[in-house]
Amino acid sequence: MTEYEEDVRPTGKFLVVDDDELIRNVWKKALERNSHQVVTFESPLEALDYLQVDTGDVAILDHMMPEMTGIELLQRIKVHWPRIEVVMMTGYASIETALSAMRAGAYDYLQKPFEQIEVAVRTVEKALERKKLIDRHRELEDQLEAVTHFEGVIGSSPRMQEVFQLVEQVAAFDATVMLNGETGVGKERIARMIHMKSPRRNKPFVPVVCSAFPENLIESTLFGHRKGAFTGATVDKVGLVETADGGTLFLDEIGDIPLSIQIKLLRMLQEREYQRLGDVKCTSVNLRVLTATHRNLREEIKAGRFREDLYYRLNVVEIELPPLRDRLDDIPLLARHFLHSYGKMYNKEINQISTETMILLQSYAWPGNVRQLEHTMAHALIMEQSEEITPASLPKELRGSDALVERSYHPTYLHMSFREAKKFVLERFEKRYIEEILKEAGGNISEAARHADMDRANFRRLLKRNEIHAEEQRGS
């Protein structure tokens, strides 16, 4: 047992069916040593009676038994309890019996007597892992089906449920709403959701990225212009404000709008009218304004770059959208959603994401948030050559040590193998910790060991185990 492993295993319930009492006892002792629950049966009929009232995760069946064969029992289990994984075992192994078992749905086939019971235990534990992954996949599909109806926005985490609740509260009212959050968190999607749940849903939703236009064009783009208003204005032009009349105008990155335009925008909100560039009369408008920004507008006000009166006019209701790193429960849902969407687009179907890959996805800081996750899953789908998404298909930045957020536990790991999840996270934490503390010590091993409150020899062993090379040890 390594220092990363403890005598704690994920809970699994095994059913052992064998007419040999010695074999039943060997399985029971070996599996209970790994903290599994074990129920043994001398006959297949006893096992079938039990399954009428209870269930299990993995059934371990002998091939030759009185009353019925293991293959016949396997077939009955797969008909009535298809979610139970089955491992067959026999003392009379042949290619024909192995093929029959696999065709009937067995996960694997073991030959008795076992040379090492630990190897046999690992085989049935792998069947348990498969069962849990499939169960988790079904659970996620059910969750995905339950949450995608909310105007196409996916999120089952408490933070996103709070956002959805606010959307429901504000959608029916014509108040301005300011959406705050980092780039890529989905501000425009939430704005569209508010529009689609509002009385203006049958009118236009017009998104405008304020930072996309140079200062000399944004006024004409928003408010339109009359022919001859400036050089090149050869015809009248309708602005985006007029295009949104009756509906919703969404001003993304409102913090980037010039002060000169802020004045006109404030007048439009107060008076419900505006002037086209080059026009002498005002045009009335009836619309709702939603805004979004990743900037701290209070700091922009202090710096003189944003009008305080406009800020309060726009910020009647404020909704803060959480970054992806603060809603890790949503990553499996989002990852599978994007995998499914791009699978249809690229005509390449991969439905599974490996346990190690999911740990990586949930350990990354996601500076680009949901948008980055979407592109990551598209990349992985294109690069993957197996039937499930593996770490090798992820972009390089997700596989490096700098990708890991320093967390040792997250509830999502509960459906995984405890040993593997814990070992995976602790190994990567250890490597990153040692690299950072050595860097902080300027490469001096003695100083780094003191910072880590470790013996110098033990610290050197950690360097060697984590393959931190000699050049990182200079100055020691």
Protein backbone atom coordinates (compact mmCIF):
# COMPACT_ATOMS: atom_id res chain seq x y z
CA MET A 1 0.00 0.00 0.00
CA THR A 2 1.47 3.36 -1.02
CA GLU A 3 1.33 6.51 1.06
CA TYR A 4 -1.46 7.70 -1.26
CA GLU A 5 -3.68 4.69 -0.57
CA GLU A 6 -5.66 3.83 2.50
CA ASP A 7 -7.75 0.81 3.38
CA VAL A 8 -10.83 2.66 2.09
CA ARG A 9 -12.62 1.64 -1.09
CA PRO A 10 -15.68 2.90 -2.92
CA THR A 11 -18.77 1.14 -1.72
CA GLY A 12 -19.83 -1.72 -3.96
CA LYS A 13 -22.23 -4.60 -3.53
CA PHE A 14 -21.08 -7.95 -4.93
CA LEU A 15 -23.20 -11.07 -5.36
CA VAL A 16 -21.18 -14.32 -5.46
CA VAL A 17 -22.96 -17.41 -6.80
CA ASP A 18 -20.99 -20.69 -6.56
CA ASP A 19 -21.82 -24.13 -5.20
CA ASP A 20 -18.28 -24.38 -3.80
CA GLU A 21 -18.26 -23.01 -0.24
CA LEU A 22 -14.48 -22.53 -0.27
CA ILE A 23 -14.69 -20.25 -3.34
CA ARG A 24 -17.55 -18.27 -1.81
CA ASN A 25 -15.54 -17.72 1.36
CA VAL A 26 -12.41 -16.69 -0.55
CA TRP A 27 -14.39 -14.04 -2.44
CA LYS A 28 -16.16 -12.81 0.67
CA LYS A 29 -12.94 -12.39 2.63
CA ALA A 30 -11.03 -10.73 -0.24
CA LEU A 31 -13.80 -8.28 -1.16
CA GLU A 32 -14.72 -7.37 2.40
CA ARG A 33 -11.03 -6.63 3.00
CA ASN A 34 -11.53 -3.83 0.45
CA SER A 35 -14.65 -2.61 2.28
CA HIS A 36 -17.15 -4.00 -0.24
CA GLN A 37 -20.47 -5.54 0.72
CA VAL A 38 -20.69 -9.22 -0.23
CA VAL A 39 -23.72 -11.53 -0.41
CA THR A 40 -23.05 -15.19 -1.27
CA PHE A 41 -25.38 -17.86 -2.68
CA GLU A 42 -24.93 -21.59 -3.03
CA SER A 43 -27.47 -21.90 -5.85
CA PRO A 44 -28.65 -19.74 -8.78
CA LEU A 45 -32.27 -19.98 -7.60
CA GLU A 46 -31.32 -18.45 -4.24
CA ALA A 47 -29.66 -15.58 -6.10
CA LEU A 48 -32.75 -15.02 -8.30
CA ASP A 49 -35.02 -15.01 -5.24
CA TYR A 50 -32.76 -12.42 -3.62
CA LEU A 51 -32.81 -10.19 -6.71
CA GLN A 52 -36.60 -10.06 -6.59
CA VAL A 53 -36.35 -7.96 -3.42
CA ASP A 54 -32.87 -6.44 -3.51
CA THR A 55 -30.09 -5.74 -5.99
CA GLY A 56 -26.33 -5.46 -6.38
CA ASP A 57 -23.63 -3.83 -8.46
CA VAL A 58 -21.64 -6.84 -9.69
CA ALA A 59 -22.55 -10.54 -9.83
CA ILE A 60 -19.72 -13.13 -9.83
CA LEU A 61 -21.09 -16.39 -11.27
CA ASP A 62 -19.64 -19.88 -11.49
CA HIS A 63 -20.13 -21.54 -14.87
CA MET A 64 -21.03 -25.09 -13.79
CA MET A 65 -23.70 -25.29 -11.07
CA PRO A 66 -26.71 -27.50 -10.30
CA GLU A 67 -30.20 -26.19 -11.24
CA MET A 68 -28.86 -24.02 -14.07
CA THR A 69 -25.56 -23.00 -15.62
CA GLY A 70 -23.84 -19.71 -14.98
CA ILE A 71 -24.59 -18.68 -18.59
CA GLU A 72 -28.30 -19.26 -18.05
CA LEU A 73 -28.20 -17.24 -14.83
CA LEU A 74 -26.26 -14.50 -16.63
CA GLN A 75 -28.94 -14.34 -19.32
CA ARG A 76 -31.73 -14.03 -16.75
CA ILE A 77 -29.89 -11.29 -14.90
CA LYS A 78 -29.33 -9.31 -18.09
CA VAL A 79 -33.02 -9.58 -19.03
CA HIS A 80 -34.44 -8.50 -15.66
CA TRP A 81 -31.59 -6.52 -14.06
CA PRO A 82 -29.51 -5.23 -17.00
CA ARG A 83 -27.63 -2.65 -14.89
CA ILE A 84 -25.85 -5.37 -12.89
CA GLU A 85 -22.38 -6.13 -14.27
CA VAL A 86 -21.51 -9.83 -14.42
CA VAL A 87 -18.14 -11.59 -14.21
CA MET A 88 -18.09 -15.32 -15.04
CA MET A 89 -15.66 -17.87 -13.60
CA THR A 90 -15.01 -21.50 -14.39
CA GLY A 91 -12.56 -24.31 -13.87
CA TYR A 92 -13.29 -25.60 -17.39
CA ALA A 93 -12.29 -22.66 -19.52
CA SER A 94 -12.62 -22.81 -23.27
CA ILE A 95 -12.84 -20.27 -26.05
CA GLU A 96 -16.45 -21.33 -26.72
CA THR A 97 -17.64 -20.79 -23.14
CA ALA A 98 -15.79 -17.47 -22.89
CA LEU A 99 -17.37 -16.25 -26.14
CA SER A 100 -20.80 -17.42 -25.00
CA ALA A 101 -20.44 -15.48 -21.75
CA MET A 102 -19.27 -12.29 -23.48
CA ARG A 103 -22.08 -12.50 -26.06
CA ALA A 104 -24.59 -12.86 -23.22
CA GLY A 105 -23.30 -9.64 -21.66
CA ALA A 106 -20.57 -10.66 -19.23
CA TYR A 107 -17.99 -8.00 -18.38
CA ASP A 108 -15.13 -10.50 -18.11
CA TYR A 109 -14.24 -14.15 -17.63
CA LEU A 110 -12.02 -15.62 -14.88
CA GLN A 111 -10.45 -19.08 -14.77
CA LYS A 112 -10.31 -21.07 -11.52
CA PRO A 113 -8.25 -21.71 -9.53
CA PHE A 114 -7.01 -18.13 -9.21
CA GLU A 115 -3.25 -17.76 -9.20
CA GLN A 116 -3.63 -14.51 -7.23
CA ILE A 117 -6.97 -13.54 -5.70
CA GLU A 118 -5.84 -9.89 -5.75
CA VAL A 119 -5.77 -9.98 -9.58
CA ALA A 120 -9.26 -11.49 -9.66
CA VAL A 121 -10.48 -8.84 -7.20
CA ARG A 122 -9.09 -6.10 -9.42
CA THR A 123 -11.03 -7.53 -12.37
CA VAL A 124 -14.36 -7.44 -10.53
CA GLU A 125 -13.54 -3.99 -9.13
CA LYS A 126 -13.08 -2.77 -12.69
CA ALA A 127 -16.55 -4.14 -13.44
CA LEU A 128 -17.80 -2.10 -10.47
CA GLU A 129 -16.08 1.04 -11.83
CA ARG A 130 -17.73 0.50 -15.20
CA LYS A 131 -21.12 0.07 -13.53
CA LYS A 132 -20.68 3.31 -11.58
CA LEU A 133 -19.54 5.23 -14.64
CA ILE A 134 -22.55 4.04 -16.63
CA ASP A 135 -24.89 4.90 -13.75
CA ARG A 136 -23.30 8.33 -13.49
CA HIS A 137 -23.64 8.84 -17.24
CA ARG A 138 -27.36 8.00 -17.07
CA GLU A 139 -27.78 10.34 -14.11
CA LEU A 140 -26.05 13.16 -16.00
CA GLU A 141 -28.19 12.54 -19.09
CA ASP A 142 -31.31 12.78 -16.89
CA GLN A 143 -30.03 16.01 -15.34
CA LEU A 144 -29.15 17.39 -18.76
CA GLU A 145 -32.64 16.64 -20.03
CA ALA A 146 -34.09 18.34 -16.94
CA VAL A 147 -32.06 21.56 -17.16
CA THR A 148 -31.75 22.26 -20.90
CA HIS A 149 -35.39 23.34 -21.14
CA PHE A 150 -34.46 26.57 -19.32
CA GLU A 151 -34.04 28.48 -22.58
CA GLY A 152 -31.02 26.35 -23.55
CA VAL A 153 -28.85 27.38 -20.57
CA ILE A 154 -27.30 24.45 -18.71
CA GLY A 155 -26.68 24.61 -14.99
CA SER A 156 -27.71 22.50 -12.02
CA SER A 157 -25.26 24.01 -9.51
CA PRO A 158 -26.66 26.16 -6.65
CA ARG A 159 -25.02 29.29 -8.10
CA MET A 160 -26.71 28.84 -11.47
CA GLN A 161 -30.04 27.97 -9.85
CA GLU A 162 -29.84 31.34 -8.08
CA VAL A 163 -29.27 33.02 -11.46
CA PHE A 164 -32.25 31.19 -12.99
CA GLN A 165 -34.44 32.27 -10.08
CA LEU A 166 -33.44 35.92 -10.57
CA VAL A 167 -34.18 35.64 -14.28
CA GLU A 168 -37.68 34.36 -13.51
CA GLN A 169 -38.22 37.27 -11.11
CA VAL A 170 -37.05 40.07 -13.39
CA ALA A 171 -38.14 38.82 -16.82
CA ALA A 172 -41.75 40.02 -16.57
CA PHE A 173 -40.75 43.57 -15.60
CA ASP A 174 -39.37 46.16 -18.03
CA ALA A 175 -36.56 47.23 -15.71
CA THR A 176 -33.00 47.49 -16.95
CA VAL A 177 -30.77 44.60 -15.87
CA MET A 178 -26.97 44.60 -15.61
CA LEU A 179 -25.20 41.26 -16.01
CA ASN A 180 -21.76 41.08 -14.42
CA GLY A 181 -19.21 38.34 -14.95
CA GLU A 182 -15.95 37.30 -16.54
CA THR A 183 -15.54 36.85 -20.27
CA GLY A 184 -17.06 33.61 -21.48
CA VAL A 185 -19.51 32.97 -18.61
CA GLY A 186 -22.55 33.26 -20.87
CA LYS A 187 -23.85 36.80 -20.29
CA GLU A 188 -25.50 37.01 -23.72
CA ARG A 189 -27.25 33.66 -23.17
CA ILE A 190 -28.73 34.93 -19.91
CA ALA A 191 -29.78 38.18 -21.63
CA ARG A 192 -31.55 36.14 -24.33
CA MET A 193 -33.20 34.08 -21.61
CA ILE A 194 -34.57 37.24 -19.95
CA HIS A 195 -35.87 38.43 -23.33
CA MET A 196 -37.49 35.08 -24.16
CA LYS A 197 -39.30 35.01 -20.81
CA SER A 198 -40.48 38.62 -21.09
CA PRO A 199 -43.63 40.07 -22.73
CA ARG A 200 -41.31 41.31 -25.52
CA ARG A 201 -40.37 37.75 -26.58
CA ASN A 202 -42.04 38.09 -30.01
CA LYS A 203 -40.10 41.27 -30.82
CA PRO A 204 -36.41 41.59 -31.79
CA PHE A 205 -33.51 40.78 -29.50
CA VAL A 206 -30.61 42.94 -30.74
CA PRO A 207 -27.14 42.26 -29.26
CA VAL A 208 -24.43 44.91 -29.59
CA VAL A 209 -20.80 44.38 -28.53
CA CYS A 210 -19.84 47.94 -27.65
CA SER A 211 -16.10 47.25 -27.74
CA ALA A 212 -16.34 46.03 -31.35
CA PHE A 213 -16.85 49.51 -32.83
CA PRO A 214 -14.41 52.44 -33.03
CA GLU A 215 -15.57 55.61 -31.29
CA ASN A 216 -16.31 57.42 -34.58
CA LEU A 217 -18.71 54.68 -35.73
CA ILE A 218 -20.53 53.59 -32.58
CA GLU A 219 -22.94 56.57 -32.51
CA SER A 220 -24.03 55.94 -36.10
CA THR A 221 -24.24 52.20 -35.42
CA LEU A 222 -26.49 52.65 -32.39
CA PHE A 223 -28.62 55.63 -33.36
CA GLY A 224 -28.37 55.68 -37.16
CA HIS A 225 -27.72 58.72 -39.36
CA ARG A 226 -29.26 60.93 -42.01
CA LYS A 227 -27.94 61.21 -45.53
CA GLY A 228 -25.13 63.78 -45.62
CA ALA A 229 -24.52 63.68 -41.85
CA PHE A 230 -20.81 63.06 -42.55
CA THR A 231 -18.53 62.20 -45.43
CA GLY A 232 -19.61 58.87 -46.87
CA ALA A 233 -23.18 59.04 -45.50
CA THR A 234 -24.83 58.74 -48.90
CA VAL A 235 -28.11 57.28 -47.63
CA ASP A 236 -30.18 57.30 -44.46
CA LYS A 237 -29.23 54.49 -42.07
CA VAL A 238 -31.35 52.86 -39.40
CA GLY A 239 -29.48 52.31 -36.14
CA LEU A 240 -29.60 49.26 -33.88
CA VAL A 241 -31.72 51.14 -31.34
CA GLU A 242 -34.46 51.52 -33.93
CA THR A 243 -34.00 47.89 -35.02
CA ALA A 244 -34.71 46.82 -31.43
CA ASP A 245 -37.86 48.97 -31.15
CA GLY A 246 -40.54 46.98 -29.32
CA GLY A 247 -37.99 44.38 -28.20
CA THR A 248 -34.76 44.20 -26.24
CA LEU A 249 -31.44 45.95 -26.85
CA PHE A 250 -28.52 44.10 -25.26
CA LEU A 251 -25.41 46.23 -24.81
CA ASP A 252 -22.50 43.89 -24.14
CA GLU A 253 -19.28 45.35 -22.69
CA ILE A 254 -21.11 48.56 -21.76
CA GLY A 255 -18.01 49.65 -19.84
CA ASP A 256 -16.22 50.27 -23.16
CA ILE A 257 -18.75 52.77 -24.51
CA PRO A 258 -17.32 56.33 -24.93
CA LEU A 259 -18.47 59.12 -22.59
CA SER A 260 -19.94 61.07 -25.51
CA ILE A 261 -22.25 58.17 -26.34
CA GLN A 262 -23.07 57.59 -22.67
CA ILE A 263 -24.83 60.98 -22.62
CA LYS A 264 -27.05 60.08 -25.60
CA LEU A 265 -27.78 56.65 -24.11
CA LEU A 266 -28.80 58.24 -20.80
CA ARG A 267 -31.19 60.61 -22.62
CA MET A 268 -32.73 57.71 -24.53
CA LEU A 269 -33.38 55.83 -21.28
CA GLN A 270 -34.84 58.88 -19.54
CA GLU A 271 -36.90 60.38 -22.36
CA ARG A 272 -37.57 57.26 -24.48
CA GLU A 273 -36.33 59.15 -27.54
CA TYR A 274 -33.09 59.77 -29.42
CA GLN A 275 -31.66 61.68 -32.39
CA ARG A 276 -30.13 60.14 -35.45
CA LEU A 277 -26.76 61.60 -36.37
CA GLY A 278 -27.46 64.63 -38.58
CA ASP A 279 -31.17 64.77 -37.71
CA VAL A 280 -32.91 67.84 -36.23
CA LYS A 281 -35.84 66.00 -34.67
CA CYS A 282 -36.13 63.24 -32.08
CA THR A 283 -37.40 59.72 -32.72
CA SER A 284 -39.44 57.90 -30.09
CA VAL A 285 -38.48 54.40 -29.12
CA ASN A 286 -40.02 51.67 -26.94
CA LEU A 287 -37.50 49.05 -25.88
CA ARG A 288 -35.93 47.30 -22.93
CA VAL A 289 -32.20 47.67 -22.31
CA LEU A 290 -30.06 44.90 -20.86
CA THR A 291 -26.33 45.40 -20.35
CA ALA A 292 -23.30 43.28 -19.52
CA THR A 293 -19.76 43.98 -18.47
CA HIS A 294 -16.67 42.26 -17.12
CA ARG A 295 -15.36 45.58 -15.81
CA ASN A 296 -15.84 47.00 -12.31
CA LEU A 297 -18.00 49.99 -13.25
CA ARG A 298 -17.69 51.55 -9.79
CA GLU A 299 -13.93 51.75 -10.39
CA GLU A 300 -14.61 53.15 -13.88
CA ILE A 301 -16.81 55.85 -12.31
CA LYS A 302 -14.02 56.80 -9.88
CA ALA A 303 -11.59 57.00 -12.80
CA GLY A 304 -13.97 59.31 -14.68
CA ARG A 305 -14.57 56.85 -17.53
CA PHE A 306 -18.21 56.04 -16.79
CA ARG A 307 -21.12 58.28 -15.83
CA GLU A 308 -22.53 57.60 -12.38
CA ASP A 309 -26.05 58.70 -13.37
CA LEU A 310 -26.01 56.25 -16.31
CA TYR A 311 -24.74 53.48 -14.06
CA TYR A 312 -27.70 53.76 -11.70
CA ARG A 313 -30.12 54.03 -14.63
CA LEU A 314 -28.76 50.78 -16.08
CA ASN A 315 -28.31 48.93 -12.80
CA VAL A 316 -31.89 48.66 -11.53
CA VAL A 317 -31.35 44.91 -11.13
CA GLU A 318 -27.87 43.33 -11.05
CA ILE A 319 -27.19 39.65 -11.77
CA GLU A 320 -23.74 38.25 -11.05
CA LEU A 321 -22.81 35.27 -13.22
CA PRO A 322 -20.34 32.89 -11.53
CA PRO A 323 -17.13 31.81 -13.28
CA LEU A 324 -16.96 28.15 -14.29
CA ARG A 325 -14.38 27.39 -11.56
CA ASP A 326 -17.09 28.25 -9.00
CA ARG A 327 -19.69 25.90 -10.51
CA LEU A 328 -17.75 22.66 -10.93
CA ASP A 329 -20.89 20.55 -10.55
CA ASP A 330 -21.96 21.85 -13.98
CA ILE A 331 -18.80 20.75 -15.80
CA PRO A 332 -19.90 17.11 -16.44
CA LEU A 333 -23.25 18.35 -17.76
CA LEU A 334 -21.69 21.01 -19.96
CA ALA A 335 -18.90 18.75 -21.22
CA ARG A 336 -21.34 16.03 -22.30
CA HIS A 337 -23.66 18.62 -23.84
CA PHE A 338 -20.86 20.06 -25.98
CA LEU A 339 -19.60 16.57 -26.83
CA HIS A 340 -23.08 15.63 -28.06
CA SER A 341 -23.54 18.89 -30.00
CA TYR A 342 -20.18 18.74 -31.77
CA GLY A 343 -20.62 15.01 -32.34
CA LYS A 344 -23.67 15.82 -34.46
CA MET A 345 -21.87 18.69 -36.19
CA TYR A 346 -18.76 16.67 -37.05
CA ASN A 347 -20.58 13.34 -37.53
CA LYS A 348 -18.36 11.68 -34.94
CA GLU A 349 -20.05 10.03 -31.97
CA ILE A 350 -18.22 9.66 -28.65
CA ASN A 351 -20.48 9.39 -25.62
CA GLN A 352 -18.03 8.63 -22.81
CA ILE A 353 -15.53 10.79 -20.92
CA SER A 354 -12.95 8.86 -18.89
CA THR A 355 -12.70 9.31 -15.14
CA GLU A 356 -9.20 10.77 -15.37
CA THR A 357 -10.33 13.24 -18.05
CA MET A 358 -13.26 14.39 -15.94
CA ILE A 359 -10.94 14.95 -12.97
CA LEU A 360 -8.74 17.10 -15.19
CA LEU A 361 -11.73 19.08 -16.46
CA GLN A 362 -12.86 19.73 -12.91
CA SER A 363 -9.38 20.62 -11.70
CA TYR A 364 -8.66 23.30 -14.30
CA ALA A 365 -9.15 27.00 -13.51
CA TRP A 366 -10.98 27.77 -16.84
CA PRO A 367 -9.89 31.39 -17.42
CA GLY A 368 -12.06 31.40 -20.56
CA ASN A 369 -15.02 29.89 -18.67
CA VAL A 370 -17.85 28.07 -20.50
CA ARG A 371 -16.70 29.27 -23.92
CA GLN A 372 -13.27 27.72 -23.34
CA LEU A 373 -14.84 24.45 -22.16
CA GLU A 374 -16.93 24.34 -25.33
CA HIS A 375 -13.87 24.75 -27.54
CA THR A 376 -11.96 22.21 -25.43
CA MET A 377 -14.62 19.54 -25.99
CA ALA A 378 -14.69 20.27 -29.73
CA HIS A 379 -10.88 19.88 -29.81
CA ALA A 380 -11.03 16.64 -27.80
CA LEU A 381 -13.70 15.16 -30.05
CA ILE A 382 -11.60 15.84 -33.15
CA MET A 383 -8.36 14.50 -31.65
CA GLU A 384 -9.71 11.44 -29.80
CA GLN A 385 -9.14 8.08 -31.51
CA SER A 386 -10.77 5.79 -28.93
CA GLU A 387 -14.40 5.34 -27.87
CA GLU A 388 -14.10 7.72 -24.90
CA ILE A 389 -12.48 11.11 -24.34
CA THR A 390 -9.07 10.59 -22.71
CA PRO A 391 -6.57 13.13 -21.30
CA ALA A 392 -4.35 12.73 -24.37
CA SER A 393 -7.02 14.38 -26.54
CA LEU A 394 -7.26 17.51 -24.36
CA PRO A 395 -5.35 20.71 -25.21
CA LYS A 396 -1.87 20.88 -23.70
CA GLU A 397 -2.76 23.59 -21.17
CA LEU A 398 -5.20 21.25 -19.42
CA ARG A 399 -2.64 18.48 -19.04
CA GLY A 400 0.20 20.53 -17.50
CA SER A 401 0.78 20.98 -13.79
CA ASP A 402 -0.15 24.66 -14.00
CA ALA A 403 -3.66 23.64 -15.02
CA LEU A 404 -4.55 22.27 -11.62
CA VAL A 405 -6.50 24.27 -9.10
CA GLU A 406 -5.22 23.54 -5.60
CA ARG A 407 -8.13 21.53 -4.29
CA SER A 408 -7.92 18.07 -2.74
CA TYR A 409 -11.59 17.13 -2.73
CA HIS A 410 -14.79 17.84 -4.60
CA PRO A 411 -18.17 16.05 -4.25
CA THR A 412 -18.08 15.01 -7.90
CA TYR A 413 -15.31 12.54 -7.04
CA LEU A 414 -17.76 10.49 -4.98
CA HIS A 415 -18.88 8.45 -7.98
CA MET A 416 -15.28 7.55 -8.84
CA SER A 417 -12.82 5.07 -7.40
CA PHE A 418 -11.69 6.60 -4.12
CA ARG A 419 -8.13 5.33 -4.47
CA GLU A 420 -7.68 6.49 -8.04
CA ALA A 421 -9.28 9.90 -7.57
CA LYS A 422 -7.36 10.58 -4.37
CA LYS A 423 -4.08 9.34 -5.79
CA PHE A 424 -4.57 11.39 -8.96
CA VAL A 425 -5.26 14.65 -7.12
CA LEU A 426 -2.62 14.19 -4.42
CA GLU A 427 0.13 13.30 -6.87
CA ARG A 428 -0.50 16.42 -8.89
CA PHE A 429 -0.84 18.61 -5.81
CA GLU A 430 2.48 17.25 -4.51
CA LYS A 431 4.32 17.91 -7.77
CA ARG A 432 2.95 21.43 -8.08
CA TYR A 433 3.63 22.21 -4.42
CA ILE A 434 7.24 21.02 -4.66
CA GLU A 435 7.83 22.94 -7.91
CA GLU A 436 6.40 26.17 -6.50
CA ILE A 437 8.19 25.99 -3.15
CA LEU A 438 11.48 25.20 -4.91
CA LYS A 439 10.93 28.13 -7.25
CA GLU A 440 10.19 30.41 -4.28
CA ALA A 441 13.47 29.27 -2.70
CA GLY A 442 15.40 30.13 -5.84
CA GLY A 443 16.23 26.49 -6.50
CA ASN A 444 17.90 26.04 -3.10
CA ILE A 445 16.87 22.61 -1.81
CA SER A 446 17.83 23.25 1.82
CA GLU A 447 15.78 26.45 1.95
CA ALA A 448 12.84 24.82 0.14
CA ALA A 449 12.90 21.91 2.61
CA ARG A 450 12.81 24.36 5.53
CA HIS A 451 9.83 26.17 3.99
CA ALA A 452 8.08 22.82 3.61
CA ASP A 453 9.01 21.84 7.18
CA MET A 454 10.62 18.67 5.86
CA ASP A 455 13.87 16.82 6.30
CA ARG A 456 16.27 17.63 3.41
CA ALA A 457 16.67 13.95 2.50
CA ASN A 458 12.89 13.44 2.35
CA PHE A 459 12.56 16.55 0.23
CA ARG A 460 15.16 15.16 -2.19
CA ARG A 461 13.15 11.92 -2.39
CA LEU A 462 10.08 13.94 -3.38
CA LEU A 463 12.10 15.67 -6.09
CA LYS A 464 13.20 12.32 -7.47
CA ARG A 465 9.74 10.75 -7.29
CA ASN A 466 8.19 13.70 -9.11
CA GLU A 467 10.97 13.74 -11.71
CA ILE A 468 11.98 17.30 -10.91
CA HIS A 469 15.36 17.39 -12.61
CA ALA A 470 18.79 18.41 -11.38
CA GLU A 471 18.75 21.82 -13.03
CA GLU A 472 15.88 22.76 -10.70
CA GLN A 473 18.11 21.92 -7.71
CA ARG A 474 20.91 24.36 -8.36
CA GLY A 475 22.09 26.40 -5.42
CA SER A 476 21.55 23.58 -2.95
